[in-house]
Protein backbone atom coordinates (compact mmCIF):
# COMPACT_ATOMS: atom_id res chain seq x y z
CA MET A 1 3.97 92.80 89.11
CA THR A 2 3.75 90.04 86.83
CA ASP A 3 1.32 88.46 89.10
CA LYS A 4 -1.10 91.06 89.08
CA LEU A 5 -1.04 91.48 85.49
CA LYS A 6 -2.08 88.04 85.26
CA GLN A 7 -4.71 88.20 87.67
CA LEU A 8 -5.73 91.12 85.61
CA LYS A 9 -6.14 88.98 82.39
CA GLN A 10 -7.96 86.34 84.25
CA GLU A 11 -10.58 88.44 85.60
CA ASN A 12 -11.32 89.81 82.31
CA ALA A 13 -10.41 93.32 83.08
CA ILE A 14 -12.72 95.70 81.39
CA SER A 15 -10.36 98.78 79.77
CA MET A 16 -12.06 102.50 79.74
CA HIS A 17 -8.63 103.83 79.99
CA VAL A 18 -5.70 104.55 77.83
CA PRO A 19 -3.81 102.69 75.76
CA GLY A 20 -6.17 102.79 72.93
CA HIS A 21 -6.04 99.07 72.45
CA LYS A 22 -7.89 98.38 75.23
CA ASN A 23 -6.17 95.22 76.25
CA MET A 24 -5.53 94.23 72.79
CA THR A 25 -9.50 93.98 71.80
CA ILE A 26 -9.00 97.24 69.33
CA GLY A 27 -6.87 97.26 66.53
CA SER A 28 -4.27 94.63 64.98
CA LEU A 29 -1.70 94.50 67.49
CA ASP A 30 -2.32 90.75 67.43
CA GLN A 31 0.05 90.37 64.56
CA LEU A 32 2.75 91.54 66.94
CA GLU A 33 5.09 88.55 68.71
CA TRP A 34 7.28 88.89 71.56
CA THR A 35 10.17 87.37 69.22
CA HIS A 36 9.96 90.96 67.41
CA ASP A 37 11.59 92.45 70.56
CA MET A 38 14.76 93.20 68.60
CA THR A 39 17.25 95.70 68.83
CA GLU A 40 19.22 97.97 66.00
CA ILE A 41 20.81 94.82 64.45
CA THR A 42 21.62 95.11 60.71
CA GLY A 43 18.64 95.49 58.57
CA LEU A 44 16.58 97.05 61.58
CA ASP A 45 17.93 100.75 60.99
CA ASP A 46 19.06 103.23 63.62
CA LEU A 47 16.16 105.22 65.26
CA HIS A 48 18.04 108.40 65.58
CA SER A 49 19.69 108.33 62.40
CA PRO A 50 17.23 106.16 60.14
CA GLU A 51 18.26 105.32 56.80
CA GLY A 52 15.95 102.48 56.33
CA VAL A 53 13.04 100.59 57.53
CA LEU A 54 12.65 103.32 60.11
CA LEU A 55 13.02 106.03 57.41
CA LYS A 56 10.43 104.27 55.28
CA LEU A 57 8.12 104.33 58.93
CA ASN A 58 8.56 107.85 59.35
CA ALA A 59 7.62 108.69 55.80
CA PHE A 60 4.71 106.82 56.24
CA LEU A 61 3.84 108.81 59.11
CA SER A 62 4.42 111.92 57.64
CA GLY A 63 1.68 111.38 55.47
CA LYS A 64 -0.72 112.05 57.97
CA HIS A 65 -0.64 115.80 57.01
CA PRO A 66 1.19 117.35 54.12
CA GLY A 67 4.15 119.61 54.44
CA TYR A 68 5.36 118.00 57.60
CA HIS A 69 8.60 115.45 58.95
CA ALA A 70 7.31 112.71 60.94
CA GLN A 71 9.71 110.97 63.93
CA ALA A 72 8.73 108.00 65.67
CA MET A 73 9.53 107.85 69.36
CA VAL A 74 9.33 104.97 71.74
CA ASN A 75 9.55 107.15 75.13
CA GLY A 76 6.10 108.77 75.03
CA THR A 77 5.27 112.57 74.45
CA THR A 78 7.44 113.43 77.31
CA ALA A 79 10.91 112.66 75.32
CA GLY A 80 9.15 114.97 72.36
CA ILE A 81 8.41 117.72 74.75
CA LEU A 82 11.81 117.99 76.18
CA SER A 83 13.25 117.68 72.73
CA ALA A 84 11.04 120.60 71.29
CA ILE A 85 11.92 122.78 74.22
CA PHE A 86 15.71 122.42 73.72
CA ALA A 87 15.19 122.46 69.97
CA VAL A 88 14.10 125.71 69.96
CA ARG A 89 15.67 127.51 72.79
CA GLY A 90 18.41 129.06 71.11
CA GLU A 91 15.81 130.73 68.68
CA ILE A 92 13.70 132.45 70.69
CA GLY A 93 13.71 134.79 73.89
CA ARG A 94 11.10 132.98 76.20
CA PHE A 95 8.40 130.52 76.57
CA VAL A 96 4.84 130.85 76.82
CA VAL A 97 2.53 128.23 78.42
CA VAL A 98 -1.06 128.60 77.64
CA GLY A 99 -3.40 127.05 80.39
CA ASP A 100 -2.85 123.79 82.10
CA ALA A 101 0.20 122.05 81.03
CA HIS A 102 1.74 118.77 81.73
CA LYS A 103 4.39 118.38 84.02
CA SER A 104 6.96 117.48 81.19
CA VAL A 105 6.28 121.07 79.95
CA TYR A 106 7.68 122.30 83.50
CA HIS A 107 10.56 119.65 83.49
CA GLY A 108 11.97 120.42 80.10
CA LEU A 109 11.54 124.36 80.73
CA GLU A 110 13.47 123.98 84.50
CA ILE A 111 16.16 121.76 82.77
CA ALA A 112 16.92 123.84 79.86
CA GLY A 113 16.67 127.09 82.72
CA THR A 114 15.02 129.15 80.30
CA PRO A 115 12.57 132.10 80.98
CA PHE A 116 8.40 131.34 80.62
CA VAL A 117 5.06 132.93 81.68
CA THR A 118 2.24 131.23 82.26
CA VAL A 119 -1.27 132.79 80.39
CA ALA A 120 -5.08 132.00 79.67
CA PHE A 121 -5.99 131.20 76.26
CA ASP A 122 -8.02 134.86 76.26
CA GLU A 123 -4.64 136.45 77.34
CA LEU A 124 -2.86 135.21 74.32
CA TYR A 125 -4.82 137.53 71.81
CA ASN A 126 -3.40 140.23 73.41
CA MET A 127 0.15 139.75 73.88
CA ASP A 128 3.22 140.07 71.55
CA VAL A 129 4.19 136.49 71.08
CA GLY A 130 7.06 137.46 68.79
CA ASP A 131 10.75 136.13 69.98
CA SER A 132 8.48 133.52 71.88
CA ALA A 133 7.70 129.88 71.70
CA VAL A 134 4.13 129.07 72.83
CA ILE A 135 3.05 125.71 74.36
CA ILE A 136 -0.47 124.73 74.05
CA THR A 137 -2.05 121.77 75.52
CA TYR A 138 -4.62 120.60 72.80
CA PRO A 139 -7.30 118.64 73.70
CA SER A 140 -7.55 118.85 77.38
CA TYR A 141 -6.96 115.83 79.42
CA ASN A 142 -10.95 115.16 79.39
CA GLY A 143 -10.94 116.04 75.52
CA THR A 144 -11.88 119.84 75.43
CA VAL A 145 -10.76 121.60 72.37
CA ASP A 146 -10.73 125.42 72.38
CA PRO A 147 -12.60 126.39 69.12
CA ARG A 148 -10.10 129.22 68.75
CA MET A 149 -7.36 126.89 68.20
CA ALA A 150 -6.85 127.82 64.25
CA GLU A 151 -6.83 131.35 64.96
CA ILE A 152 -4.54 130.96 67.96
CA ILE A 153 -1.61 129.30 65.74
CA GLU A 154 -2.26 131.84 63.08
CA HIS A 155 -1.88 134.53 65.69
CA VAL A 156 1.30 132.82 66.74
CA GLY A 157 2.77 132.54 63.67
CA SER A 158 1.94 135.95 62.14
CA THR A 159 3.79 137.69 64.86
CA ASP A 160 7.14 135.37 64.42
CA GLY A 161 6.35 133.07 67.16
CA ILE A 162 6.84 129.23 67.35
CA SER A 163 4.08 126.85 68.04
CA ILE A 164 4.35 123.98 70.23
CA ILE A 165 1.40 121.71 70.75
CA ASP A 166 1.04 119.11 73.24
CA GLU A 167 -1.39 116.51 71.55
CA ALA A 168 -0.96 113.65 73.36
CA HIS A 169 -4.42 112.96 73.61
CA GLY A 170 -5.12 114.02 70.04
CA ALA A 171 -3.31 111.08 67.89
CA HIS A 172 -6.60 110.03 66.90
CA PHE A 173 -7.82 113.68 65.48
CA GLY A 174 -8.93 114.30 61.84
CA VAL A 175 -9.30 110.40 61.84
CA THR A 176 -12.77 111.07 60.12
CA GLY A 177 -14.45 114.31 59.63
CA ASN A 178 -16.59 113.62 62.99
CA PHE A 179 -13.81 114.13 65.01
CA PRO A 180 -11.86 117.29 66.15
CA GLN A 181 -8.97 118.46 63.50
CA SER A 182 -5.72 117.83 64.64
CA ALA A 183 -3.43 121.06 65.06
CA LEU A 184 -1.75 119.82 62.02
CA GLU A 185 -4.48 121.00 59.81
CA PHE A 186 -4.00 124.26 61.58
CA GLY A 187 0.12 124.74 60.57
CA ALA A 188 1.24 124.03 63.82
CA ASP A 189 5.20 124.23 64.04
CA ILE A 190 5.79 121.43 66.03
CA VAL A 191 3.04 118.74 67.19
CA ILE A 192 3.96 115.81 69.53
CA GLN A 193 1.27 113.09 69.59
CA SER A 194 0.96 110.05 71.89
CA TYR A 195 -0.08 107.37 69.29
CA HIS A 196 -0.83 104.88 72.42
CA LYS A 197 -3.25 106.83 74.03
CA MET A 198 -6.31 106.65 71.97
CA LEU A 199 -5.15 104.61 68.95
CA PRO A 200 -4.13 101.18 69.05
CA ALA A 201 -0.38 101.27 69.87
CA LEU A 202 1.92 99.92 72.85
CA THR A 203 2.33 102.19 75.71
CA GLY A 204 5.30 104.72 75.19
CA ALA A 205 4.28 105.13 71.31
CA SER A 206 4.33 108.63 70.28
CA VAL A 207 5.71 110.63 67.16
CA ALA A 208 6.82 114.23 66.87
CA PHE A 209 5.87 116.23 63.67
CA THR A 210 7.94 119.02 62.66
CA ARG A 211 7.08 121.91 59.81
CA GLU A 212 10.68 123.02 59.19
CA LYS A 213 13.73 121.06 58.22
CA ASP A 214 16.37 123.07 60.27
CA VAL A 215 13.67 122.33 63.16
CA HIS A 216 13.54 119.02 62.25
CA ARG A 217 17.11 118.52 62.34
CA SER A 218 17.14 120.19 65.74
CA MET A 219 14.66 118.36 67.28
CA MET A 220 16.25 114.71 65.92
CA LYS A 221 19.75 116.31 68.02
CA TYR A 222 17.49 116.10 71.34
CA ILE A 223 15.65 113.21 70.75
CA ASP A 224 18.69 111.47 70.19
CA TYR A 225 19.89 112.94 73.75
CA PHE A 226 16.17 112.42 75.84
CA GLU A 227 15.10 109.22 74.08
CA THR A 228 16.53 105.56 74.71
CA SER A 229 19.28 104.45 72.39
CA SER A 230 17.72 100.74 72.70
CA PRO A 231 14.42 101.60 71.14
CA SER A 232 11.58 98.79 71.25
CA TYR A 233 10.73 97.36 68.05
CA LEU A 234 7.61 96.29 69.32
CA ILE A 235 6.61 100.09 69.98
CA LEU A 236 7.91 100.95 66.73
CA ALA A 237 6.14 98.34 64.80
CA SER A 238 2.71 98.95 66.76
CA ILE A 239 2.80 103.05 66.01
CA GLU A 240 3.16 101.58 62.15
CA LEU A 241 -0.17 99.37 62.77
CA ALA A 242 -1.61 102.28 64.70
CA HIS A 243 -1.04 104.75 61.79
CA GLN A 244 -2.51 102.20 59.30
CA PHE A 245 -5.25 101.85 61.84
CA TYR A 246 -5.83 105.49 61.35
CA ASN A 247 -5.71 105.58 57.96
CA GLU A 248 -8.35 102.67 57.07
CA PHE A 249 -10.84 103.60 60.21
CA ASP A 250 -14.33 104.19 59.41
CA ASP A 251 -16.46 105.83 62.17
CA GLU A 252 -19.79 104.33 61.43
CA LEU A 253 -19.38 101.45 63.90
CA PHE A 254 -18.03 103.52 66.43
CA PHE A 255 -20.64 105.89 66.54
CA SER A 256 -23.40 103.16 66.53
CA GLN A 257 -21.57 101.30 69.55
CA ARG A 258 -21.30 104.77 71.17
CA GLU A 259 -24.79 105.58 71.44
CA THR A 260 -25.94 102.25 72.30
CA LEU A 261 -23.49 102.44 75.14
CA ILE A 262 -24.45 105.70 76.18
CA LYS A 263 -28.37 105.15 76.10
CA SER A 264 -27.60 101.78 77.72
CA MET A 265 -26.02 103.86 80.67
CA GLU A 266 -28.17 106.59 80.79
CA GLY A 267 -31.25 103.96 81.38
CA ARG A 268 -29.17 102.41 84.23
CA GLY A 269 -29.31 106.06 86.18
CA PHE A 270 -25.71 107.22 84.90
CA SER A 271 -25.51 110.82 83.74
CA ILE A 272 -23.30 111.22 80.92
CA ILE A 273 -21.49 114.39 80.03
CA GLU A 274 -19.85 114.58 76.35
CA THR A 275 -16.93 116.55 75.54
CA ASP A 276 -15.58 117.82 71.77
CA ASP A 277 -13.95 114.68 71.19
CA PRO A 278 -16.53 112.02 70.97
CA ALA A 279 -14.07 109.31 72.16
CA LYS A 280 -14.19 110.84 75.87
CA VAL A 281 -17.03 110.74 78.51
CA THR A 282 -17.24 112.07 81.80
CA LEU A 283 -19.79 110.00 84.49
CA ASN A 284 -21.86 110.39 87.32
CA MET A 285 -24.66 109.41 89.27
CA GLU A 286 -27.40 110.94 91.19
CA GLY A 287 -26.55 110.82 94.87
CA LEU A 288 -23.37 109.35 94.75
CA SER A 289 -19.98 110.83 94.81
CA PRO A 290 -17.50 110.40 91.81
CA TYR A 291 -15.22 108.55 93.96
CA ALA A 292 -17.63 105.97 95.23
CA LEU A 293 -18.66 105.78 91.71
CA PHE A 294 -14.91 104.90 90.45
CA ASP A 295 -14.47 102.85 93.33
CA ALA A 296 -17.81 100.61 92.22
CA LEU A 297 -16.59 100.28 88.96
CA ASP A 298 -13.32 99.02 89.88
CA ARG A 299 -14.97 96.38 92.01
CA ALA A 300 -16.82 95.51 88.81
CA GLY A 301 -13.22 95.12 86.96
CA ILE A 302 -14.27 97.90 84.88
CA TYR A 303 -11.42 100.46 85.07
CA SER A 304 -11.70 104.11 84.22
CA GLU A 305 -9.02 106.36 83.09
CA MET A 306 -9.34 108.94 86.16
CA VAL A 307 -11.72 110.42 88.42
CA THR A 308 -11.84 114.13 89.95
CA ASP A 309 -14.77 116.17 91.28
CA ALA A 310 -16.57 116.32 88.25
CA GLY A 311 -16.85 113.00 87.40
CA VAL A 312 -15.41 109.35 85.97
CA LEU A 313 -12.99 109.99 82.89
CA TRP A 314 -13.52 107.30 80.26
CA CYS A 315 -11.54 106.44 77.04
CA LEU A 316 -14.43 105.19 74.69
CA PRO A 317 -12.87 102.45 72.40
CA LEU A 318 -12.81 103.08 68.65
CA PHE A 319 -14.95 100.21 67.98
CA HIS A 320 -14.34 98.77 64.55
CA ARG A 321 -15.66 95.70 61.90
CA GLY A 322 -13.79 93.02 63.50
CA ASP A 323 -13.00 94.35 67.02
CA ARG A 324 -12.87 92.11 69.95
CA TYR A 325 -14.15 94.74 72.73
CA PRO A 326 -16.26 93.29 75.31
CA LEU A 327 -19.35 95.40 74.85
CA GLU A 328 -22.07 93.06 76.23
CA ALA A 329 -19.56 91.95 78.92
CA LEU A 330 -19.59 95.94 79.69
CA LEU A 331 -22.98 96.17 80.15
CA GLU A 332 -23.78 93.05 81.91
CA ARG A 333 -21.36 94.28 84.66
CA LEU A 334 -23.09 97.67 84.47
CA THR A 335 -26.26 96.17 85.22
CA ASN A 336 -24.87 94.30 88.18
CA LEU A 337 -22.79 97.09 89.61
CA THR A 338 -22.88 97.31 93.17
CA ILE A 339 -22.98 100.93 94.93
CA THR A 340 -22.08 101.12 98.55
CA GLN A 341 -20.62 104.31 100.44
CA SER A 342 -16.99 104.79 99.87
CA ARG A 343 -14.69 104.68 102.53
CA ARG A 344 -12.85 107.52 100.63
CA GLY A 345 -13.18 111.24 102.02
CA THR A 346 -13.78 110.10 105.54
CA LYS A 347 -10.19 111.48 106.93
CA SER A 348 -9.07 114.89 106.96
CA GLU A 349 -5.56 115.88 107.38
CA ASP A 350 -4.19 118.87 109.19
CA LEU A 351 -1.66 120.55 106.44
CA ASP A 352 -1.52 124.05 107.98
CA PHE A 353 2.13 123.61 108.70
CA LEU A 354 2.84 124.04 104.73
CA LEU A 355 1.50 127.37 104.59
CA GLY A 356 3.74 129.76 103.52
CA LYS A 357 6.20 127.35 102.97
CA THR A 358 8.34 127.05 99.56
CA ALA A 359 7.44 123.55 98.01
CA VAL A 360 10.50 121.53 97.98
CA ARG A 361 9.25 119.38 94.83
CA SER A 362 6.07 119.97 92.74
CA VAL A 363 2.79 118.71 93.90
CA VAL A 364 1.35 116.77 90.77
CA PRO A 365 -2.10 114.86 90.89
CA TYR A 366 -1.60 111.91 88.59
CA PRO A 367 -3.34 111.73 86.22
CA PRO A 368 -3.95 114.14 84.35
CA GLY A 369 -0.06 115.18 85.36
CA VAL A 370 -1.03 118.73 85.92
CA PRO A 371 1.01 120.27 88.80
CA LEU A 372 -1.10 122.08 91.69
CA ILE A 373 2.03 123.67 92.98
CA HIS A 374 5.89 124.09 91.48
CA GLU A 375 8.68 123.61 93.19
CA GLY A 376 9.88 126.97 94.65
CA GLU A 377 6.64 128.39 95.16
CA ARG A 378 4.84 128.93 98.48
CA PHE A 379 1.95 126.70 99.62
CA THR A 380 -1.26 129.20 99.68
CA GLU A 381 -4.38 128.33 101.69
CA GLU A 382 -6.12 127.49 98.65
CA VAL A 383 -3.46 124.87 97.18
CA ILE A 384 -3.70 123.43 100.87
CA ARG A 385 -7.36 123.18 100.83
CA THR A 386 -7.20 121.41 97.28
CA ILE A 387 -4.23 119.11 98.63
CA ILE A 388 -6.42 118.11 101.71
CA HIS A 389 -9.33 117.50 99.48
CA LYS A 390 -7.77 115.09 97.17
CA LYS A 391 -6.04 113.09 100.15
CA SER A 392 -8.93 112.33 101.47
CA TYR A 393 -10.27 110.61 98.49
CA HIS A 394 -6.94 108.94 98.17
CA VAL A 395 -6.02 110.74 94.51
CA LYS A 396 -2.36 110.09 93.75
CA MET A 397 -0.54 113.04 94.30
CA GLU A 398 3.62 112.81 93.37
CA GLY A 399 5.48 115.00 95.41
CA ILE A 400 3.19 115.92 98.25
CA GLU A 401 4.90 113.17 100.76
CA ASP A 402 8.38 114.84 100.19
CA ASN A 403 7.00 118.10 100.92
CA ILE A 404 5.12 116.76 104.21
CA GLU A 405 8.31 114.99 105.28
CA CYS A 406 10.36 117.91 104.89
CA TYR A 407 8.07 120.41 107.03
CA LYS A 408 6.72 117.97 109.36
CA VAL A 409 10.10 117.30 110.74
CA ASP A 410 10.84 121.02 111.14
CA GLU A 411 7.23 121.35 112.91
CA ASP A 412 7.88 118.16 115.36
CA SER A 413 11.54 119.28 116.17
């Protein structure tokens, strides 16, 4: 692994993926040193019972929006999602999962052993969500924002429900008025943000925000359960630097460079799909499958966030004065991009033996981490077709091989 990391650095790999520091070219993580990798010695506080420097850090983070308690986390938003589910499960009768959700939501619900229903956004308006905790992913992985979010959170609160927002991809929301608003602005009860995804912080850096002191106290109990007791102070320090970046960010250069990049790409034959989040775009090229485009970019040393049938997803840098992002090198590589027919999609696999079988493990394309089928559910023709399609394009899917191995053995015996 070390050799591969060194190789990517030597090849000057260009990042269009998370984390938001983009190979240390955005933000000020150069202030960190390896010698800062310390543990909870005297003066460095206790992450799960902060009284000193980490208490000050949380107070700094809570300034993101008035009325919220903040807790820095080093195990990513997953730890926050698990903690939120356990923190409120004794206060409600059920959970309501709205739309597509990350696998961590379902993992938490399974571990908690609590009932839940899955509904679409439209269905939520006609539901009585009193005595419910409503889990909403905002924004979507590709940067889509439901314009009714404020109304939805108000609806949940007005019926005495509890709103839990997985805002992993929205830590930069509200950074200026030209970006979508965070769910913090709408009064959500619990909001968990991955600082590392779009802000310049180290991978694993997240923050949990809670409105009520009692909920915060309960969250802290379970963060203690699910998070490491040996926190990385490099990650904690990167959260502080990323939050400072958020507070000071001026978007003038970002939108100028973004326009330069998009126009340049359109001039090179790319089609660009813009979303609600200006830091996310989806790429396509006429006559070329998204998978072939993804592979071509990879070969050019331009690494994208994700590829689906809809296109290649890029997470744009939050360009700022003094950044070190290699925009000129990116444009040059795009000019010299070599397009060849992808070898993906040429092999079709017969998985009919799975039809009607019960999944022994959830099947999760990663990214984005949204399950196609949950453990305990039965494989349908539609699910099998989707899996075959994704496998033919070499999309990574967690859990599928376990299911194939389990039932293929039965078929062969």
